[in-house]
Amino acid sequence: MKQISNGQGQKINAGLDIGTSNITCAIGQNSLDSKNVKLLGISTIPSQGMRQGVIIHRDKLIESIEHVISDTERMANIKIENIVV
């Protein structure tokens, strides 16, 4: 994954967890000189389109993923270009 730099010696990382019951997205910022991570945005919504770890309705799942990513981007005021799933 390519990290997004904010030009201030810090890196921005985004992660996405797609589960059967919830979908969660988080954006964090870590400085190059420490191991601390500052949480910039996080969002969790109920998962739709999945049952017991299997995709049963692709369009509903895509809609859920787009929704949670959009909410997280809005909270962090950052546009996600790369994400770890």
C-alpha atoms as a PDB file:
ATOM      1  CA  MET A   1       0.000   0.000   0.000  1.00  0.00           C
ATOM      2  CA  LYS A   2       1.246   3.449  -0.844  1.00  0.00           C
ATOM      3  CA  GLN A   3       1.076   5.793   2.112  1.00  0.00           C
ATOM      4  CA  ILE A   4      -0.283   9.284   1.577  1.00  0.00           C
ATOM      5  CA  SER A   5       2.068  11.993   2.854  1.00  0.00           C
ATOM      6  CA  ASN A   6       0.693  15.229   4.188  1.00  0.00           C
ATOM      7  CA  GLY A   7       4.003  17.028   3.575  1.00  0.00           C
ATOM      8  CA  GLN A   8       4.698  17.461   7.291  1.00  0.00           C
ATOM      9  CA  GLY A   9       6.799  14.354   7.933  1.00  0.00           C
ATOM     10  CA  GLN A  10       3.725  12.245   8.636  1.00  0.00           C
ATOM     11  CA  LYS A  11       2.000   9.410   6.778  1.00  0.00           C
ATOM     12  CA  ILE A  12      -1.722   8.715   6.396  1.00  0.00           C
ATOM     13  CA  ASN A  13      -3.006   5.110   6.334  1.00  0.00           C
ATOM     14  CA  ALA A  14      -6.523   3.811   5.688  1.00  0.00           C
ATOM     15  CA  GLY A  15      -7.961   0.409   6.527  1.00  0.00           C
ATOM     16  CA  LEU A  16     -11.235  -1.343   5.767  1.00  0.00           C
ATOM     17  CA  ASP A  17     -12.705  -4.329   7.627  1.00  0.00           C
ATOM     18  CA  ILE A  18     -15.549  -6.098   5.821  1.00  0.00           C
ATOM     19  CA  GLY A  19     -17.328  -8.402   8.212  1.00  0.00           C
ATOM     20  CA  THR A  20     -20.571 -10.320   8.149  1.00  0.00           C
ATOM     21  CA  SER A  21     -22.200  -8.060  10.751  1.00  0.00           C
ATOM     22  CA  ASN A  22     -20.312  -4.737  10.371  1.00  0.00           C
ATOM     23  CA  ILE A  23     -18.132  -2.832   7.936  1.00  0.00           C
ATOM     24  CA  THR A  24     -15.554  -0.503   9.489  1.00  0.00           C
ATOM     25  CA  CYS A  25     -13.199   2.019   7.905  1.00  0.00           C
ATOM     26  CA  ALA A  26     -10.468   3.946   9.732  1.00  0.00           C
ATOM     27  CA  ILE A  27      -7.929   6.599   8.744  1.00  0.00           C
ATOM     28  CA  GLY A  28      -4.851   7.131  10.903  1.00  0.00           C
ATOM     29  CA  GLN A  29      -1.845   9.428  10.823  1.00  0.00           C
ATOM     30  CA  ASN A  30       1.560   8.365  12.086  1.00  0.00           C
ATOM     31  CA  SER A  31       4.628  10.532  12.364  1.00  0.00           C
ATOM     32  CA  LEU A  32       7.916   9.282  10.951  1.00  0.00           C
ATOM     33  CA  ASP A  33       9.803   9.868  14.217  1.00  0.00           C
ATOM     34  CA  SER A  34       7.441   8.014  16.574  1.00  0.00           C
ATOM     35  CA  LYS A  35       5.279   4.914  16.668  1.00  0.00           C
ATOM     36  CA  ASN A  36       2.147   6.775  17.736  1.00  0.00           C
ATOM     37  CA  VAL A  37      -0.926   6.803  15.523  1.00  0.00           C
ATOM     38  CA  LYS A  38      -3.499   9.585  15.623  1.00  0.00           C
ATOM     39  CA  LEU A  39      -6.976   8.442  14.590  1.00  0.00           C
ATOM     40  CA  LEU A  40      -8.356  10.983  12.107  1.00  0.00           C
ATOM     41  CA  GLY A  41     -11.608   9.289  11.189  1.00  0.00           C
ATOM     42  CA  ILE A  42     -13.547   6.088  11.784  1.00  0.00           C
ATOM     43  CA  SER A  43     -16.953   4.829  10.737  1.00  0.00           C
ATOM     44  CA  THR A  44     -18.860   1.590  11.279  1.00  0.00           C
ATOM     45  CA  ILE A  45     -22.151   0.556   9.708  1.00  0.00           C
ATOM     46  CA  PRO A  46     -24.129  -2.681   9.668  1.00  0.00           C
ATOM     47  CA  SER A  47     -23.036  -4.917   6.814  1.00  0.00           C
ATOM     48  CA  GLN A  48     -25.530  -5.576   4.036  1.00  0.00           C
ATOM     49  CA  GLY A  49     -25.123  -8.120   1.290  1.00  0.00           C
ATOM     50  CA  MET A  50     -23.177 -10.653   3.386  1.00  0.00           C
ATOM     51  CA  ARG A  51     -24.296 -13.769   5.229  1.00  0.00           C
ATOM     52  CA  GLN A  52     -21.925 -16.030   7.150  1.00  0.00           C
ATOM     53  CA  GLY A  53     -18.899 -14.563   5.347  1.00  0.00           C
ATOM     54  CA  VAL A  54     -20.352 -15.037   1.856  1.00  0.00           C
ATOM     55  CA  ILE A  55     -21.449 -12.274  -0.510  1.00  0.00           C
ATOM     56  CA  ILE A  56     -25.146 -12.795  -1.205  1.00  0.00           C
ATOM     57  CA  HIS A  57     -26.014  -9.393  -2.697  1.00  0.00           C
ATOM     58  CA  ARG A  58     -23.078  -7.694  -4.406  1.00  0.00           C
ATOM     59  CA  ASP A  59     -24.751  -4.331  -5.031  1.00  0.00           C
ATOM     60  CA  LYS A  60     -25.856  -3.911  -1.406  1.00  0.00           C
ATOM     61  CA  LEU A  61     -22.336  -4.772  -0.209  1.00  0.00           C
ATOM     62  CA  ILE A  62     -20.748  -2.242  -2.583  1.00  0.00           C
ATOM     63  CA  GLU A  63     -23.232   0.392  -1.418  1.00  0.00           C
ATOM     64  CA  SER A  64     -22.344  -0.302   2.224  1.00  0.00           C
ATOM     65  CA  ILE A  65     -18.611  -0.095   1.531  1.00  0.00           C
ATOM     66  CA  GLU A  66     -18.962   3.180  -0.384  1.00  0.00           C
ATOM     67  CA  HIS A  67     -21.088   4.618   2.437  1.00  0.00           C
ATOM     68  CA  VAL A  68     -18.634   3.761   5.231  1.00  0.00           C
ATOM     69  CA  ILE A  69     -15.632   5.039   3.243  1.00  0.00           C
ATOM     70  CA  SER A  70     -17.444   8.292   2.443  1.00  0.00           C
ATOM     71  CA  ASP A  71     -18.353   8.829   6.115  1.00  0.00           C
ATOM     72  CA  THR A  72     -14.755   8.237   7.198  1.00  0.00           C
ATOM     73  CA  GLU A  73     -13.344  10.565   4.529  1.00  0.00           C
ATOM     74  CA  ARG A  74     -15.756  13.278   5.631  1.00  0.00           C
ATOM     75  CA  MET A  75     -14.785  12.865   9.288  1.00  0.00           C
ATOM     76  CA  ALA A  76     -11.037  12.970   8.528  1.00  0.00           C
ATOM     77  CA  ASN A  77     -11.379  15.616   5.797  1.00  0.00           C
ATOM     78  CA  ILE A  78      -9.158  13.418   3.583  1.00  0.00           C
ATOM     79  CA  LYS A  79      -9.824  11.697   0.255  1.00  0.00           C
ATOM     80  CA  ILE A  80      -8.706   8.058   0.428  1.00  0.00           C
ATOM     81  CA  GLU A  81      -6.615   7.011  -2.575  1.00  0.00           C
ATOM     82  CA  ASN A  82      -5.377   3.638  -1.269  1.00  0.00           C
ATOM     83  CA  ILE A  83      -6.811   1.348   1.374  1.00  0.00           C
ATOM     84  CA  VAL A  84      -5.839  -1.892   3.098  1.00  0.00           C
ATOM     85  CA  VAL A  85      -8.705  -4.387   3.228  1.00  0.00           C
END
